Amino acid sequence: MDFLEILSLIIMAVGFVVVYSAKPVVKRFGLQEKQNCANASEMTEKEVQAYKMNKAVFNIKVKGLLISIPGLVLFILSFKR
């Protein structure tokens, strides 16, 4: 395997690990408490907590996807040459 192929696989793996471990990361660092909810007055406390948790997990998963996209592009480009 070429250096670029290995590098792209490592970058993709890191991004996918971030996506896969999003929920434990949110729980460990308490990221759900840092989220804000615009419609909190219309929801119950349980719904607000679930909304904040889902929002924090989604944000981490998006960041993991943004990490893995350059690896995917590099992987595709390394096989084109």
Protein backbone atom coordinates (compact mmCIF):
# COMPACT_ATOMS: atom_id res chain seq x y z
CA MET A 1 0.00 0.00 0.00
CA ASP A 2 1.06 3.50 -0.74
CA PHE A 3 1.64 6.12 1.96
CA LEU A 4 -1.39 8.16 0.85
CA GLU A 5 -3.66 5.10 1.02
CA ILE A 6 -2.54 4.32 4.55
CA LEU A 7 -2.89 7.96 5.61
CA SER A 8 -6.39 8.15 4.14
CA LEU A 9 -7.45 4.97 5.93
CA ILE A 10 -6.13 6.33 9.24
CA ILE A 11 -7.97 9.63 8.78
CA MET A 12 -11.20 7.83 7.88
CA ALA A 13 -10.82 5.48 10.85
CA VAL A 14 -10.37 8.38 13.26
CA GLY A 15 -13.49 10.08 11.90
CA PHE A 16 -15.54 6.90 12.11
CA VAL A 17 -14.37 6.26 15.68
CA VAL A 18 -15.51 9.76 16.63
CA VAL A 19 -18.91 9.10 15.05
CA TYR A 20 -19.25 5.71 16.73
CA SER A 21 -18.24 6.97 20.17
CA ALA A 22 -20.30 10.17 20.10
CA LYS A 23 -22.73 9.19 22.86
CA PRO A 24 -20.05 8.13 25.39
CA VAL A 25 -18.09 11.31 24.63
CA VAL A 26 -21.15 13.46 25.30
CA LYS A 27 -21.87 11.64 28.56
CA ARG A 28 -18.26 11.73 29.76
CA PHE A 29 -17.73 15.44 29.19
CA GLY A 30 -21.29 16.59 29.99
CA LEU A 31 -21.72 18.29 26.64
CA GLN A 32 -25.51 18.04 26.81
CA GLU A 33 -25.52 20.66 29.59
CA LYS A 34 -23.79 23.16 27.30
CA GLN A 35 -26.52 22.95 24.66
CA ASN A 36 -29.31 25.50 24.58
CA CYS A 37 -32.94 24.88 23.75
CA ALA A 38 -34.96 27.69 22.22
CA ASN A 39 -38.33 26.06 22.95
CA ALA A 40 -37.62 24.88 26.50
CA SER A 41 -40.73 26.59 27.86
CA GLU A 42 -42.96 24.42 25.66
CA MET A 43 -41.36 21.11 26.68
CA THR A 44 -41.24 19.03 29.81
CA GLU A 45 -37.95 18.69 31.67
CA LYS A 46 -37.48 15.15 30.35
CA GLU A 47 -38.05 16.27 26.76
CA VAL A 48 -35.58 19.14 27.19
CA GLN A 49 -32.90 16.77 28.50
CA ALA A 50 -33.52 14.32 25.63
CA TYR A 51 -33.39 17.19 23.12
CA LYS A 52 -30.10 18.49 24.53
CA MET A 53 -28.60 14.99 24.52
CA ASN A 54 -29.65 14.37 20.90
CA LYS A 55 -28.37 17.77 19.83
CA ALA A 56 -24.97 17.21 21.48
CA VAL A 57 -24.63 13.70 19.98
CA PHE A 58 -25.58 15.03 16.55
CA ASN A 59 -22.96 17.80 16.78
CA ILE A 60 -20.24 15.27 17.66
CA LYS A 61 -21.31 12.98 14.82
CA VAL A 62 -21.18 15.85 12.33
CA LYS A 63 -17.66 16.70 13.49
CA GLY A 64 -16.64 13.06 13.08
CA LEU A 65 -18.06 13.08 9.57
CA LEU A 66 -16.13 16.26 8.79
CA ILE A 67 -12.97 14.52 9.99
CA SER A 68 -13.55 11.45 7.82
CA ILE A 69 -14.48 13.24 4.57
CA PRO A 70 -10.90 14.37 3.73
CA GLY A 71 -9.73 10.80 4.30
CA LEU A 72 -12.40 9.51 1.95
CA VAL A 73 -11.45 12.04 -0.73
CA LEU A 74 -7.77 11.19 -0.31
CA PHE A 75 -8.61 7.49 -0.55
CA ILE A 76 -10.49 7.99 -3.82
CA LEU A 77 -7.75 10.19 -5.28
CA SER A 78 -5.00 7.75 -4.31
CA PHE A 79 -6.63 5.00 -6.37
CA LYS A 80 -7.25 7.20 -9.41
CA ARG A 81 -3.58 7.57 -10.24
